[in-house]
Amino acid sequence: MIKLILPIEASQVRELRLLSLETDPDAFVSTYAYESQFDIDYYSRKISYNLVAPYFGYWGYYKQELLVGYAQLIREQLPRVNHIADIFEFYVHPDFRRQGLGKDLLNHLVQLCKNHPDIELLQLKVTSTNQPAIKLYEAFNFLKTHTQENQIKTNQGYLDETIMCLSLR
């Protein structure tokens, strides 16, 4: 089941977010060390701040009552770019990968944006080395628009990010 995540579910979001930063540290700009210092109230506020039902906010993929994947969908706010929606923090728990959950979650987000009367473009950033994610996005006809070099600094060096966009009109 895919549904908007509510602030009351912040503990599950925090747990999954911290897991994502442990299992796939190169996929995100943030780090486990940074985000583990924040309590559940921080995540509750983050969810609440981004919740603009019925389209925007944190979308969760649930197996029974367990949150096993999520993504943030936001709309740009400034008038000249509010035809654009962005996907952030896309993640599926490692135990539930390769079962179509990521595909289902991405399809849900794409359909939401297609059904929104004002959204014309859906965009995201992905670490250029994250080939499984890039293949998923390309399967939905996201196009690579450009690469931003040295965007993420790690202890081992720098990672590039690829900007990908899906035209909805």
Protein backbone atom coordinates (compact mmCIF):
# COMPACT_ATOMS: atom_id res chain seq x y z
CA MET A 1 0.00 0.00 0.00
CA ILE A 2 1.27 3.47 -0.90
CA LYS A 3 0.01 6.45 1.08
CA LEU A 4 1.01 9.85 2.36
CA ILE A 5 3.08 9.58 5.51
CA LEU A 6 1.68 11.46 8.49
CA PRO A 7 3.70 13.13 11.27
CA ILE A 8 2.55 10.45 13.71
CA GLU A 9 4.64 7.96 11.69
CA ALA A 10 7.87 9.87 12.29
CA SER A 11 9.55 7.06 14.23
CA GLN A 12 9.28 4.69 11.23
CA VAL A 13 10.55 7.42 8.90
CA ARG A 14 13.51 8.13 11.16
CA GLU A 15 14.37 4.44 11.38
CA LEU A 16 14.19 3.94 7.61
CA ARG A 17 16.03 7.18 6.88
CA LEU A 18 18.91 6.24 9.16
CA LEU A 19 19.03 2.79 7.59
CA SER A 20 19.22 4.39 4.14
CA LEU A 21 22.18 6.48 5.22
CA GLU A 22 23.93 3.37 6.55
CA THR A 23 23.22 1.01 3.64
CA ASP A 24 23.54 3.50 0.78
CA PRO A 25 25.63 6.42 2.03
CA ASP A 26 26.69 7.49 -1.47
CA ALA A 27 23.07 7.86 -2.59
CA PHE A 28 22.34 10.81 -0.32
CA VAL A 29 23.81 14.21 0.47
CA SER A 30 23.19 13.81 4.20
CA THR A 31 25.02 11.38 6.47
CA TYR A 32 24.12 8.96 9.23
CA ALA A 33 26.29 10.89 11.70
CA TYR A 34 24.44 14.11 10.93
CA GLU A 35 20.86 12.81 10.94
CA SER A 36 21.21 10.38 13.85
CA GLN A 37 21.50 13.36 16.19
CA PHE A 38 17.90 14.38 15.42
CA ASP A 39 15.01 13.04 17.46
CA ILE A 40 11.57 11.91 16.34
CA ASP A 41 10.17 15.45 16.76
CA TYR A 42 12.54 16.67 14.04
CA TYR A 43 11.23 14.04 11.62
CA SER A 44 7.65 14.77 12.62
CA ARG A 45 8.14 18.47 11.83
CA LYS A 46 9.85 17.60 8.56
CA ILE A 47 6.93 15.42 7.50
CA SER A 48 4.37 18.01 8.61
CA TYR A 49 6.15 20.88 6.85
CA ASN A 50 6.17 19.01 3.53
CA LEU A 51 2.63 17.65 3.73
CA VAL A 52 0.44 19.32 1.11
CA ALA A 53 -2.29 16.74 0.54
CA PRO A 54 -3.40 15.18 -1.68
CA TYR A 55 -0.31 15.44 -3.90
CA PHE A 56 2.81 16.48 -2.04
CA GLY A 57 4.72 15.26 0.98
CA TYR A 58 6.42 12.05 1.99
CA TRP A 59 4.91 9.00 0.29
CA GLY A 60 5.39 5.66 1.98
CA TYR A 61 5.25 2.11 0.71
CA TYR A 62 3.84 -0.14 3.44
CA LYS A 63 3.85 -3.91 3.82
CA GLN A 64 1.12 -4.49 6.39
CA GLU A 65 1.91 -1.65 8.81
CA LEU A 66 5.67 -1.60 8.17
CA LEU A 67 7.18 1.29 6.21
CA VAL A 68 9.56 -0.36 3.71
CA GLY A 69 10.12 2.47 1.25
CA TYR A 70 9.47 6.16 0.84
CA ALA A 71 10.13 9.25 -1.21
CA GLN A 72 9.56 12.94 -0.83
CA LEU A 73 7.56 14.70 -3.54
CA ILE A 74 7.56 18.49 -3.44
CA ARG A 75 6.37 21.27 -5.70
CA GLU A 76 8.55 24.24 -6.46
CA GLN A 77 6.96 27.29 -4.81
CA LEU A 78 8.11 30.32 -6.76
CA PRO A 79 5.63 31.40 -9.48
CA ARG A 80 7.97 30.95 -12.44
CA VAL A 81 8.93 27.39 -11.49
CA ASN A 82 5.84 26.06 -9.73
CA HIS A 83 5.10 23.87 -12.76
CA ILE A 84 7.96 21.65 -11.54
CA ALA A 85 7.83 18.87 -8.95
CA ASP A 86 10.91 17.26 -7.39
CA ILE A 87 11.58 13.82 -5.95
CA PHE A 88 13.97 13.54 -3.02
CA GLU A 89 15.06 10.79 -0.61
CA PHE A 90 13.81 7.89 -2.75
CA TYR A 91 14.60 4.69 -0.86
CA VAL A 92 13.48 1.07 -0.54
CA HIS A 93 14.61 -1.15 2.34
CA PRO A 94 17.25 -3.66 1.12
CA ASP A 95 15.12 -6.65 2.20
CA PHE A 96 12.33 -5.50 -0.15
CA ARG A 97 14.34 -4.59 -3.24
CA ARG A 98 13.98 -6.33 -6.60
CA GLN A 99 10.30 -6.98 -5.86
CA GLY A 100 8.89 -4.07 -7.84
CA LEU A 101 8.29 -1.78 -4.86
CA GLY A 102 10.53 0.99 -6.19
CA LYS A 103 8.79 0.75 -9.55
CA ASP A 104 5.38 0.92 -7.87
CA LEU A 105 6.37 3.89 -5.72
CA LEU A 106 7.87 5.79 -8.65
CA ASN A 107 4.82 5.03 -10.78
CA HIS A 108 2.60 6.41 -8.02
CA LEU A 109 4.58 9.66 -7.88
CA VAL A 110 4.57 10.03 -11.67
CA GLN A 111 0.82 9.46 -11.83
CA LEU A 112 0.20 12.00 -9.06
CA CYS A 113 2.13 14.59 -11.03
CA LYS A 114 0.41 13.70 -14.30
CA ASN A 115 -2.95 14.17 -12.60
CA HIS A 116 -2.01 17.52 -11.08
CA PRO A 117 -3.36 20.27 -13.33
CA ASP A 118 -0.28 22.48 -13.05
CA ILE A 119 2.70 20.11 -12.92
CA GLU A 120 4.49 19.85 -16.26
CA LEU A 121 7.93 18.56 -15.26
CA LEU A 122 9.16 16.06 -12.69
CA GLN A 123 12.83 16.14 -11.78
CA LEU A 124 15.32 14.49 -9.48
CA LYS A 125 19.02 14.15 -8.76
CA VAL A 126 20.77 10.81 -8.58
CA THR A 127 24.37 9.95 -7.77
CA SER A 128 25.95 9.23 -11.15
CA THR A 129 27.31 5.88 -9.92
CA ASN A 130 23.89 4.63 -8.77
CA GLN A 131 23.13 2.55 -11.87
CA PRO A 132 20.14 0.62 -10.44
CA ALA A 133 18.36 3.89 -9.66
CA ILE A 134 19.27 5.40 -13.03
CA LYS A 135 17.91 2.32 -14.82
CA LEU A 136 14.66 2.60 -12.87
CA TYR A 137 14.25 6.27 -13.75
CA GLU A 138 15.10 5.63 -17.41
CA ALA A 139 12.44 2.89 -17.51
CA PHE A 140 9.95 5.68 -16.74
CA ASN A 141 11.41 7.83 -19.54
CA PHE A 142 13.29 10.21 -17.29
CA LEU A 143 16.03 11.81 -19.37
CA LYS A 144 19.48 12.76 -18.17
CA THR A 145 19.76 16.50 -18.67
CA HIS A 146 23.23 17.06 -17.26
CA THR A 147 25.77 16.01 -14.68
CA GLN A 148 26.98 18.20 -11.86
CA GLU A 149 30.54 17.24 -11.04
CA ASN A 150 31.95 16.96 -7.52
CA GLN A 151 28.60 17.64 -5.85
CA ILE A 152 29.00 15.28 -2.91
CA LYS A 153 32.20 15.26 -0.89
CA THR A 154 33.03 11.98 0.85
CA ASN A 155 36.06 10.71 2.74
CA GLN A 156 37.06 8.87 -0.43
CA GLY A 157 36.69 11.83 -2.80
CA TYR A 158 33.84 13.38 -4.74
CA LEU A 159 30.66 12.05 -6.33
CA ASP A 160 28.85 13.50 -9.32
CA GLU A 161 25.09 13.93 -9.49
CA THR A 162 23.00 13.45 -12.60
CA ILE A 163 19.90 15.59 -13.08
CA MET A 164 17.02 13.66 -14.62
CA CYS A 165 13.71 15.06 -15.83
CA LEU A 166 10.40 13.67 -17.02
CA SER A 167 8.20 15.89 -19.18
CA LEU A 168 4.54 15.36 -18.27
CA ARG A 169 2.87 17.41 -21.02
